[in-house]
């Protein structure tokens, strides 16, 4: 076996995609590889064969599903096996940023702060992804502050969302009869398919999800003019105001990312830095109960 360090980065990108799709979607096929990298089916099949030579125990071919499935002994060779890799791929759709980590770019020293990875299992993600694509109902056991040990319910998932440092699934909850956000790391066990969606509970009929809102941010008005101007430069406010547009249910998460608590202001304006200019009109979207 050749050293993994000698594999060209574009080939590594293909191997990484194979692992990500197999592990988190439960299936990878030549057509997916060909579409992602603009290569023919025969070339994509060669890529899969080459990968299997390097990791012979990771994949097995399933004739009924016309693709390769992850084996029980699957061990990632080119990825870290973290859900972030798959969910990041969903966001960028047509490109993988991870292959560029292998490029020698001669950049200046940089450092980033690694964040802890949430405990999210592949089996949970596979079921959520499949159900959202096929509009299926899932029976789940979900833990929350009100039910730390878990509580059974049926959901109809429609969108995976990364916000405020963690992954959620937006879904219709049959127990509460409304659309809610469910944190992926709080599912207990593997969701069970209980049939097709009943009624119209997909993303198109999630009225709050389909509503776009504008969040207007300004430097804290308690600060001196010079400090407000400094913050306006920091946050890219050419006219002293920054307007963010997002789906209504994501507005509170956007504020959390910016360190703004919509429920109360910091006593120290330098700690607060920025505030919501249109807080009253956004109250139903941003206030936490």
C-alpha atoms as a PDB file:
ATOM      1  CA  UNK A   1       0.000   0.000   0.000  1.00  0.00           C
ATOM      2  CA  UNK A   2       1.342   3.396  -0.934  1.00  0.00           C
ATOM      3  CA  UNK A   3       1.783   5.999   1.756  1.00  0.00           C
ATOM      4  CA  UNK A   4      -1.321   8.098   2.288  1.00  0.00           C
ATOM      5  CA  UNK A   5       0.861  11.207   2.335  1.00  0.00           C
ATOM      6  CA  UNK A   6       1.740  10.698  -1.348  1.00  0.00           C
ATOM      7  CA  UNK A   7      -1.871  10.650  -2.559  1.00  0.00           C
ATOM      8  CA  UNK A   8      -2.686  13.790  -4.616  1.00  0.00           C
ATOM      9  CA  UNK A   9      -5.060  16.178  -2.866  1.00  0.00           C
ATOM     10  CA  UNK A  10      -7.742  15.867  -5.573  1.00  0.00           C
ATOM     11  CA  UNK A  11      -7.762  12.100  -5.084  1.00  0.00           C
ATOM     12  CA  UNK A  12      -7.945  12.626  -1.332  1.00  0.00           C
ATOM     13  CA  UNK A  13     -10.990  14.816  -1.878  1.00  0.00           C
ATOM     14  CA  UNK A  14     -12.728  11.946  -3.666  1.00  0.00           C
ATOM     15  CA  UNK A  15     -11.815   9.459  -0.961  1.00  0.00           C
ATOM     16  CA  UNK A  16     -13.062  11.831   1.706  1.00  0.00           C
ATOM     17  CA  UNK A  17     -16.371  12.267  -0.067  1.00  0.00           C
ATOM     18  CA  UNK A  18     -16.730   8.486  -0.294  1.00  0.00           C
ATOM     19  CA  UNK A  19     -16.243   8.145   3.450  1.00  0.00           C
ATOM     20  CA  UNK A  20     -18.525  11.023   4.369  1.00  0.00           C
ATOM     21  CA  UNK A  21     -21.421   9.789   2.228  1.00  0.00           C
ATOM     22  CA  UNK A  22     -21.016   6.166   3.267  1.00  0.00           C
ATOM     23  CA  UNK A  23     -20.799   6.922   6.968  1.00  0.00           C
ATOM     24  CA  UNK A  24     -23.468   9.606   7.285  1.00  0.00           C
ATOM     25  CA  UNK A  25     -25.933   8.765   4.501  1.00  0.00           C
ATOM     26  CA  UNK A  26     -25.439   5.005   4.641  1.00  0.00           C
ATOM     27  CA  UNK A  27     -24.725   4.631   0.919  1.00  0.00           C
ATOM     28  CA  UNK A  28     -22.296   5.874  -1.713  1.00  0.00           C
ATOM     29  CA  UNK A  29     -22.507   5.251  -5.452  1.00  0.00           C
ATOM     30  CA  UNK A  30     -20.384   5.964  -8.504  1.00  0.00           C
ATOM     31  CA  UNK A  31     -22.973   8.420  -9.787  1.00  0.00           C
ATOM     32  CA  UNK A  32     -22.544  10.626  -6.720  1.00  0.00           C
ATOM     33  CA  UNK A  33     -18.765  10.702  -7.093  1.00  0.00           C
ATOM     34  CA  UNK A  34     -19.012  11.438 -10.797  1.00  0.00           C
ATOM     35  CA  UNK A  35     -21.486  14.267 -10.281  1.00  0.00           C
ATOM     36  CA  UNK A  36     -19.487  15.846  -7.461  1.00  0.00           C
ATOM     37  CA  UNK A  37     -16.192  15.928  -9.354  1.00  0.00           C
ATOM     38  CA  UNK A  38     -17.328  16.162 -12.968  1.00  0.00           C
ATOM     39  CA  UNK A  39     -15.945  12.776 -14.014  1.00  0.00           C
ATOM     40  CA  UNK A  40     -17.493   9.908 -15.966  1.00  0.00           C
ATOM     41  CA  UNK A  41     -19.088   6.865 -14.405  1.00  0.00           C
ATOM     42  CA  UNK A  42     -16.215   4.559 -15.313  1.00  0.00           C
ATOM     43  CA  UNK A  43     -13.696   6.935 -13.753  1.00  0.00           C
ATOM     44  CA  UNK A  44     -15.849   7.187 -10.639  1.00  0.00           C
ATOM     45  CA  UNK A  45     -15.999   3.402 -10.400  1.00  0.00           C
ATOM     46  CA  UNK A  46     -12.197   3.315 -10.627  1.00  0.00           C
ATOM     47  CA  UNK A  47     -12.039   5.774  -7.714  1.00  0.00           C
ATOM     48  CA  UNK A  48     -14.284   3.514  -5.637  1.00  0.00           C
ATOM     49  CA  UNK A  49     -12.201   0.446  -6.485  1.00  0.00           C
ATOM     50  CA  UNK A  50      -9.004   2.292  -5.561  1.00  0.00           C
ATOM     51  CA  UNK A  51     -10.541   3.368  -2.258  1.00  0.00           C
ATOM     52  CA  UNK A  52     -11.553  -0.209  -1.478  1.00  0.00           C
ATOM     53  CA  UNK A  53      -7.987  -1.358  -2.062  1.00  0.00           C
ATOM     54  CA  UNK A  54      -6.834   1.103   0.592  1.00  0.00           C
ATOM     55  CA  UNK A  55      -9.690   0.327   2.991  1.00  0.00           C
ATOM     56  CA  UNK A  56     -10.840  -3.197   2.054  1.00  0.00           C
ATOM     57  CA  UNK A  57     -13.096  -3.709   5.072  1.00  0.00           C
ATOM     58  CA  UNK A  58     -15.017  -0.434   4.981  1.00  0.00           C
ATOM     59  CA  UNK A  59     -17.536  -0.931   2.170  1.00  0.00           C
ATOM     60  CA  UNK A  60     -19.692  -3.709   0.770  1.00  0.00           C
ATOM     61  CA  UNK A  61     -21.736  -3.559  -2.431  1.00  0.00           C
ATOM     62  CA  UNK A  62     -25.515  -3.834  -2.161  1.00  0.00           C
ATOM     63  CA  UNK A  63     -27.171  -4.849  -5.440  1.00  0.00           C
ATOM     64  CA  UNK A  64     -30.649  -3.828  -4.328  1.00  0.00           C
ATOM     65  CA  UNK A  65     -29.555  -0.313  -3.419  1.00  0.00           C
ATOM     66  CA  UNK A  66     -27.083  -0.063  -6.310  1.00  0.00           C
ATOM     67  CA  UNK A  67     -24.310   1.314  -4.164  1.00  0.00           C
ATOM     68  CA  UNK A  68     -21.764   0.662  -1.457  1.00  0.00           C
ATOM     69  CA  UNK A  69     -22.840   0.509   2.179  1.00  0.00           C
ATOM     70  CA  UNK A  70     -20.619   0.981   5.238  1.00  0.00           C
ATOM     71  CA  UNK A  71     -19.688  -2.278   6.924  1.00  0.00           C
ATOM     72  CA  UNK A  72     -19.953  -2.900  10.645  1.00  0.00           C
ATOM     73  CA  UNK A  73     -16.150  -2.669  10.730  1.00  0.00           C
ATOM     74  CA  UNK A  74     -16.047   0.744   9.006  1.00  0.00           C
ATOM     75  CA  UNK A  75     -13.105   2.845  10.207  1.00  0.00           C
ATOM     76  CA  UNK A  76     -12.505   6.233   8.522  1.00  0.00           C
ATOM     77  CA  UNK A  77      -9.137   6.432   6.830  1.00  0.00           C
ATOM     78  CA  UNK A  78      -9.289   9.875   5.209  1.00  0.00           C
ATOM     79  CA  UNK A  79     -11.734  11.689   7.475  1.00  0.00           C
ATOM     80  CA  UNK A  80     -12.221  12.070  11.195  1.00  0.00           C
ATOM     81  CA  UNK A  81     -15.635  10.445  11.270  1.00  0.00           C
ATOM     82  CA  UNK A  82     -17.217  13.596  12.710  1.00  0.00           C
ATOM     83  CA  UNK A  83     -20.705  14.697  11.837  1.00  0.00           C
ATOM     84  CA  UNK A  84     -19.396  18.221  11.214  1.00  0.00           C
ATOM     85  CA  UNK A  85     -17.731  16.956   8.040  1.00  0.00           C
ATOM     86  CA  UNK A  86     -21.012  15.759   6.579  1.00  0.00           C
ATOM     87  CA  UNK A  87     -23.107  18.671   7.742  1.00  0.00           C
ATOM     88  CA  UNK A  88     -20.556  21.150   6.415  1.00  0.00           C
ATOM     89  CA  UNK A  89     -20.814  19.349   3.092  1.00  0.00           C
ATOM     90  CA  UNK A  90     -24.563  19.945   3.077  1.00  0.00           C
ATOM     91  CA  UNK A  91     -23.948  23.678   3.411  1.00  0.00           C
ATOM     92  CA  UNK A  92     -21.430  24.035   0.622  1.00  0.00           C
ATOM     93  CA  UNK A  93     -23.072  21.489  -1.698  1.00  0.00           C
ATOM     94  CA  UNK A  94     -20.668  21.510  -4.607  1.00  0.00           C
ATOM     95  CA  UNK A  95     -17.227  21.696  -3.031  1.00  0.00           C
ATOM     96  CA  UNK A  96     -15.152  20.238  -0.244  1.00  0.00           C
ATOM     97  CA  UNK A  97     -12.965  22.619   1.696  1.00  0.00           C
ATOM     98  CA  UNK A  98     -11.070  19.914   3.590  1.00  0.00           C
ATOM     99  CA  UNK A  99      -8.821  18.804   0.673  1.00  0.00           C
ATOM    100  CA  UNK A 100      -7.110  22.185   0.702  1.00  0.00           C
ATOM    101  CA  UNK A 101      -5.732  21.422   4.155  1.00  0.00           C
ATOM    102  CA  UNK A 102      -3.101  19.356   2.366  1.00  0.00           C
ATOM    103  CA  UNK A 103      -1.844  22.208   0.195  1.00  0.00           C
ATOM    104  CA  UNK A 104       1.464  23.884   0.977  1.00  0.00           C
ATOM    105  CA  UNK A 105       0.516  27.543   0.649  1.00  0.00           C
ATOM    106  CA  UNK A 106       3.338  29.240   2.509  1.00  0.00           C
ATOM    107  CA  UNK A 107       0.893  31.212   4.630  1.00  0.00           C
ATOM    108  CA  UNK A 108       1.825  33.059   7.787  1.00  0.00           C
ATOM    109  CA  UNK A 109       1.361  31.308  11.121  1.00  0.00           C
ATOM    110  CA  UNK A 110      -2.297  30.933  12.023  1.00  0.00           C
ATOM    111  CA  UNK A 111      -4.147  29.294  14.863  1.00  0.00           C
ATOM    112  CA  UNK A 112      -7.808  28.473  15.372  1.00  0.00           C
ATOM    113  CA  UNK A 113      -9.626  27.401  18.484  1.00  0.00           C
ATOM    114  CA  UNK A 114     -10.991  23.859  18.146  1.00  0.00           C
ATOM    115  CA  UNK A 115     -14.519  23.470  19.435  1.00  0.00           C
ATOM    116  CA  UNK A 116     -15.828  20.273  21.005  1.00  0.00           C
ATOM    117  CA  UNK A 117     -17.728  17.985  18.670  1.00  0.00           C
ATOM    118  CA  UNK A 118     -21.237  17.113  19.779  1.00  0.00           C
ATOM    119  CA  UNK A 119     -22.033  13.453  20.410  1.00  0.00           C
ATOM    120  CA  UNK A 120     -24.014  12.750  17.248  1.00  0.00           C
ATOM    121  CA  UNK A 121     -24.194   9.192  15.908  1.00  0.00           C
ATOM    122  CA  UNK A 122     -24.223   8.285  12.196  1.00  0.00           C
ATOM    123  CA  UNK A 123     -27.371   6.166  12.579  1.00  0.00           C
ATOM    124  CA  UNK A 124     -29.349   9.162  13.862  1.00  0.00           C
ATOM    125  CA  UNK A 125     -28.177  11.438  11.051  1.00  0.00           C
ATOM    126  CA  UNK A 126     -28.886   8.802   8.382  1.00  0.00           C
ATOM    127  CA  UNK A 127     -32.493   8.453   9.503  1.00  0.00           C
ATOM    128  CA  UNK A 128     -33.045  12.212   9.749  1.00  0.00           C
ATOM    129  CA  UNK A 129     -31.563  12.818   6.302  1.00  0.00           C
ATOM    130  CA  UNK A 130     -33.560  10.012   4.711  1.00  0.00           C
ATOM    131  CA  UNK A 131     -36.800  11.087   6.389  1.00  0.00           C
ATOM    132  CA  UNK A 132     -36.371  14.721   5.348  1.00  0.00           C
ATOM    133  CA  UNK A 133     -35.713  13.735   1.732  1.00  0.00           C
ATOM    134  CA  UNK A 134     -38.527  11.196   1.521  1.00  0.00           C
ATOM    135  CA  UNK A 135     -40.982  13.076   3.779  1.00  0.00           C
ATOM    136  CA  UNK A 136     -41.258  10.301   6.346  1.00  0.00           C
ATOM    137  CA  UNK A 137     -42.376  10.298   9.977  1.00  0.00           C
ATOM    138  CA  UNK A 138     -39.936   9.211  12.667  1.00  0.00           C
ATOM    139  CA  UNK A 139     -40.626   8.006  16.174  1.00  0.00           C
ATOM    140  CA  UNK A 140     -37.846   9.397  18.353  1.00  0.00           C
ATOM    141  CA  UNK A 141     -36.762   9.513  21.957  1.00  0.00           C
ATOM    142  CA  UNK A 142     -35.662  13.087  22.632  1.00  0.00           C
ATOM    143  CA  UNK A 143     -34.038  14.431  25.788  1.00  0.00           C
ATOM    144  CA  UNK A 144     -34.639  17.971  27.025  1.00  0.00           C
ATOM    145  CA  UNK A 145     -34.395  19.962  30.233  1.00  0.00           C
ATOM    146  CA  UNK A 146     -38.001  19.065  31.014  1.00  0.00           C
ATOM    147  CA  UNK A 147     -37.361  15.365  30.235  1.00  0.00           C
ATOM    148  CA  UNK A 148     -33.621  14.658  30.684  1.00  0.00           C
ATOM    149  CA  UNK A 149     -34.103  10.894  30.373  1.00  0.00           C
ATOM    150  CA  UNK A 150     -35.874  11.284  27.053  1.00  0.00           C
ATOM    151  CA  UNK A 151     -39.447  11.591  25.874  1.00  0.00           C
ATOM    152  CA  UNK A 152     -41.107   9.747  23.001  1.00  0.00           C
ATOM    153  CA  UNK A 153     -42.685  11.641  20.120  1.00  0.00           C
ATOM    154  CA  UNK A 154     -43.191  11.500  16.366  1.00  0.00           C
ATOM    155  CA  UNK A 155     -41.550  14.123  14.180  1.00  0.00           C
ATOM    156  CA  UNK A 156     -41.442  14.963  10.477  1.00  0.00           C
ATOM    157  CA  UNK A 157     -37.985  16.467   9.800  1.00  0.00           C
ATOM    158  CA  UNK A 158     -37.399  18.834   6.906  1.00  0.00           C
ATOM    159  CA  UNK A 159     -34.099  20.753   7.335  1.00  0.00           C
ATOM    160  CA  UNK A 160     -30.761  20.341   9.101  1.00  0.00           C
ATOM    161  CA  UNK A 161     -29.537  23.621  10.586  1.00  0.00           C
ATOM    162  CA  UNK A 162     -26.203  24.711  12.059  1.00  0.00           C
ATOM    163  CA  UNK A 163     -26.677  27.615  14.434  1.00  0.00           C
ATOM    164  CA  UNK A 164     -25.250  28.876  17.718  1.00  0.00           C
ATOM    165  CA  UNK A 165     -22.460  26.315  17.649  1.00  0.00           C
ATOM    166  CA  UNK A 166     -24.578  23.173  17.312  1.00  0.00           C
ATOM    167  CA  UNK A 167     -26.654  21.248  14.816  1.00  0.00           C
ATOM    168  CA  UNK A 168     -30.442  21.070  14.896  1.00  0.00           C
ATOM    169  CA  UNK A 169     -33.120  19.516  12.777  1.00  0.00           C
ATOM    170  CA  UNK A 170     -36.201  21.578  12.015  1.00  0.00           C
ATOM    171  CA  UNK A 171     -39.217  19.278  12.198  1.00  0.00           C
ATOM    172  CA  UNK A 172     -42.950  19.131  12.745  1.00  0.00           C
ATOM    173  CA  UNK A 173     -43.677  17.656  16.175  1.00  0.00           C
ATOM    174  CA  UNK A 174     -46.915  15.674  16.230  1.00  0.00           C
ATOM    175  CA  UNK A 175     -46.976  15.739  20.028  1.00  0.00           C
ATOM    176  CA  UNK A 176     -46.953  19.545  20.242  1.00  0.00           C
ATOM    177  CA  UNK A 177     -48.632  20.091  16.861  1.00  0.00           C
ATOM    178  CA  UNK A 178     -46.076  22.654  15.761  1.00  0.00           C
ATOM    179  CA  UNK A 179     -42.702  23.003  14.075  1.00  0.00           C
ATOM    180  CA  UNK A 180     -39.756  22.962  16.460  1.00  0.00           C
ATOM    181  CA  UNK A 181     -35.958  22.785  16.530  1.00  0.00           C
ATOM    182  CA  UNK A 182     -34.410  19.580  17.854  1.00  0.00           C
ATOM    183  CA  UNK A 183     -30.733  19.411  18.839  1.00  0.00           C
ATOM    184  CA  UNK A 184     -29.092  16.438  17.111  1.00  0.00           C
ATOM    185  CA  UNK A 185     -27.033  15.398  20.126  1.00  0.00           C
ATOM    186  CA  UNK A 186     -30.183  14.971  22.253  1.00  0.00           C
ATOM    187  CA  UNK A 187     -31.715  12.086  20.351  1.00  0.00           C
ATOM    188  CA  UNK A 188     -31.538   8.860  22.349  1.00  0.00           C
ATOM    189  CA  UNK A 189     -31.292   5.668  20.330  1.00  0.00           C
ATOM    190  CA  UNK A 190     -32.022   5.395  16.620  1.00  0.00           C
ATOM    191  CA  UNK A 191     -35.172   7.041  15.192  1.00  0.00           C
ATOM    192  CA  UNK A 192     -37.724   4.550  13.856  1.00  0.00           C
ATOM    193  CA  UNK A 193     -39.536   5.065  10.564  1.00  0.00           C
ATOM    194  CA  UNK A 194     -43.296   4.940  11.173  1.00  0.00           C
ATOM    195  CA  UNK A 195     -44.529   5.729   7.692  1.00  0.00           C
ATOM    196  CA  UNK A 196     -45.062   8.586   5.256  1.00  0.00           C
ATOM    197  CA  UNK A 197     -45.873  12.131   6.278  1.00  0.00           C
ATOM    198  CA  UNK A 198     -49.496  12.692   7.243  1.00  0.00           C
ATOM    199  CA  UNK A 199     -50.871  15.971   5.994  1.00  0.00           C
ATOM    200  CA  UNK A 200     -48.671  18.818   4.758  1.00  0.00           C
ATOM    201  CA  UNK A 201     -45.915  19.106   7.318  1.00  0.00           C
ATOM    202  CA  UNK A 202     -42.922  19.782   5.082  1.00  0.00           C
ATOM    203  CA  UNK A 203     -40.699  22.854   4.833  1.00  0.00           C
ATOM    204  CA  UNK A 204     -43.001  24.588   2.355  1.00  0.00           C
ATOM    205  CA  UNK A 205     -45.820  24.555   4.905  1.00  0.00           C
ATOM    206  CA  UNK A 206     -43.715  25.684   7.853  1.00  0.00           C
ATOM    207  CA  UNK A 207     -44.945  29.286   7.791  1.00  0.00           C
ATOM    208  CA  UNK A 208     -42.475  30.586  10.336  1.00  0.00           C
ATOM    209  CA  UNK A 209     -39.609  28.911   8.490  1.00  0.00           C
ATOM    210  CA  UNK A 210     -40.718  30.508   5.232  1.00  0.00           C
ATOM    211  CA  UNK A 211     -40.856  33.974   6.826  1.00  0.00           C
ATOM    212  CA  UNK A 212     -37.765  36.150   6.364  1.00  0.00           C
ATOM    213  CA  UNK A 213     -36.928  38.828   8.896  1.00  0.00           C
ATOM    214  CA  UNK A 214     -34.423  41.674   9.088  1.00  0.00           C
ATOM    215  CA  UNK A 215     -32.357  42.052  12.252  1.00  0.00           C
ATOM    216  CA  UNK A 216     -30.980  45.595  12.569  1.00  0.00           C
ATOM    217  CA  UNK A 217     -27.914  45.987  14.758  1.00  0.00           C
ATOM    218  CA  UNK A 218     -26.240  49.200  15.907  1.00  0.00           C
ATOM    219  CA  UNK A 219     -23.415  50.060  18.317  1.00  0.00           C
ATOM    220  CA  UNK A 220     -24.625  50.334  21.911  1.00  0.00           C
ATOM    221  CA  UNK A 221     -26.049  53.848  22.232  1.00  0.00           C
ATOM    222  CA  UNK A 222     -24.678  54.188  25.760  1.00  0.00           C
ATOM    223  CA  UNK A 223     -21.129  54.353  24.402  1.00  0.00           C
ATOM    224  CA  UNK A 224     -19.314  57.572  23.443  1.00  0.00           C
ATOM    225  CA  UNK A 225     -19.431  58.556  19.775  1.00  0.00           C
ATOM    226  CA  UNK A 226     -15.789  57.606  19.112  1.00  0.00           C
ATOM    227  CA  UNK A 227     -16.322  54.106  20.520  1.00  0.00           C
ATOM    228  CA  UNK A 228     -19.514  53.651  18.519  1.00  0.00           C
ATOM    229  CA  UNK A 229     -17.632  54.581  15.353  1.00  0.00           C
ATOM    230  CA  UNK A 230     -14.929  52.036  16.212  1.00  0.00           C
ATOM    231  CA  UNK A 231     -17.525  49.295  16.644  1.00  0.00           C
ATOM    232  CA  UNK A 232     -19.197  50.308  13.394  1.00  0.00           C
ATOM    233  CA  UNK A 233     -15.893  49.589  11.641  1.00  0.00           C
ATOM    234  CA  UNK A 234     -15.457  46.305  13.532  1.00  0.00           C
ATOM    235  CA  UNK A 235     -18.859  45.010  12.485  1.00  0.00           C
ATOM    236  CA  UNK A 236     -18.908  46.410   8.958  1.00  0.00           C
ATOM    237  CA  UNK A 237     -21.552  49.093   9.487  1.00  0.00           C
ATOM    238  CA  UNK A 238     -20.843  51.728   6.810  1.00  0.00           C
ATOM    239  CA  UNK A 239     -23.876  53.780   7.871  1.00  0.00           C
ATOM    240  CA  UNK A 240     -23.695  52.935  11.547  1.00  0.00           C
ATOM    241  CA  UNK A 241     -26.085  49.998  11.162  1.00  0.00           C
ATOM    242  CA  UNK A 242     -25.850  46.355  10.147  1.00  0.00           C
ATOM    243  CA  UNK A 243     -28.911  44.604   8.739  1.00  0.00           C
ATOM    244  CA  UNK A 244     -28.979  40.807   8.765  1.00  0.00           C
ATOM    245  CA  UNK A 245     -31.598  38.890   6.795  1.00  0.00           C
ATOM    246  CA  UNK A 246     -32.483  35.357   7.842  1.00  0.00           C
ATOM    247  CA  UNK A 247     -35.347  32.961   8.363  1.00  0.00           C
ATOM    248  CA  UNK A 248     -37.464  33.984  11.324  1.00  0.00           C
ATOM    249  CA  UNK A 249     -36.686  30.948  13.529  1.00  0.00           C
ATOM    250  CA  UNK A 250     -32.951  31.540  13.029  1.00  0.00           C
ATOM    251  CA  UNK A 251     -32.930  35.160  14.219  1.00  0.00           C
ATOM    252  CA  UNK A 252     -32.339  34.282  17.868  1.00  0.00           C
ATOM    253  CA  UNK A 253     -29.447  32.023  16.894  1.00  0.00           C
ATOM    254  CA  UNK A 254     -27.874  34.787  14.811  1.00  0.00           C
ATOM    255  CA  UNK A 255     -27.959  37.049  17.855  1.00  0.00           C
ATOM    256  CA  UNK A 256     -26.426  34.365  20.033  1.00  0.00           C
ATOM    257  CA  UNK A 257     -23.582  33.977  17.520  1.00  0.00           C
ATOM    258  CA  UNK A 258     -22.935  37.714  17.884  1.00  0.00           C
ATOM    259  CA  UNK A 259     -23.049  37.567  21.675  1.00  0.00           C
ATOM    260  CA  UNK A 260     -26.273  39.571  21.908  1.00  0.00           C
ATOM    261  CA  UNK A 261     -28.788  38.437  24.515  1.00  0.00           C
ATOM    262  CA  UNK A 262     -32.228  39.664  23.409  1.00  0.00           C
ATOM    263  CA  UNK A 263     -33.699  39.123  26.877  1.00  0.00           C
ATOM    264  CA  UNK A 264     -31.482  41.622  28.664  1.00  0.00           C
ATOM    265  CA  UNK A 265     -28.595  44.007  28.032  1.00  0.00           C
ATOM    266  CA  UNK A 266     -25.215  43.835  29.703  1.00  0.00           C
ATOM    267  CA  UNK A 267     -24.773  46.411  32.444  1.00  0.00           C
ATOM    268  CA  UNK A 268     -21.428  47.408  30.910  1.00  0.00           C
ATOM    269  CA  UNK A 269     -21.956  48.856  27.394  1.00  0.00           C
ATOM    270  CA  UNK A 270     -18.410  47.873  26.412  1.00  0.00           C
ATOM    271  CA  UNK A 271     -19.333  44.274  27.143  1.00  0.00           C
ATOM    272  CA  UNK A 272     -22.594  44.661  25.232  1.00  0.00           C
ATOM    273  CA  UNK A 273     -20.969  46.464  22.245  1.00  0.00           C
ATOM    274  CA  UNK A 274     -23.957  46.157  19.892  1.00  0.00           C
ATOM    275  CA  UNK A 275     -27.713  46.213  20.380  1.00  0.00           C
ATOM    276  CA  UNK A 276     -30.870  45.415  18.429  1.00  0.00           C
ATOM    277  CA  UNK A 277     -32.368  48.509  16.827  1.00  0.00           C
ATOM    278  CA  UNK A 278     -35.709  46.861  15.969  1.00  0.00           C
ATOM    279  CA  UNK A 279     -36.092  44.673  19.044  1.00  0.00           C
ATOM    280  CA  UNK A 280     -39.816  45.296  19.526  1.00  0.00           C
ATOM    281  CA  UNK A 281     -40.795  44.194  16.028  1.00  0.00           C
ATOM    282  CA  UNK A 282     -38.692  41.028  16.419  1.00  0.00           C
ATOM    283  CA  UNK A 283     -39.945  40.073  19.884  1.00  0.00           C
ATOM    284  CA  UNK A 284     -41.892  37.007  18.740  1.00  0.00           C
ATOM    285  CA  UNK A 285     -38.804  35.696  16.956  1.00  0.00           C
ATOM    286  CA  UNK A 286     -35.951  36.403  19.330  1.00  0.00           C
ATOM    287  CA  UNK A 287     -37.103  36.259  22.951  1.00  0.00           C
ATOM    288  CA  UNK A 288     -36.284  33.043  24.806  1.00  0.00           C
ATOM    289  CA  UNK A 289     -38.870  31.719  27.220  1.00  0.00           C
END
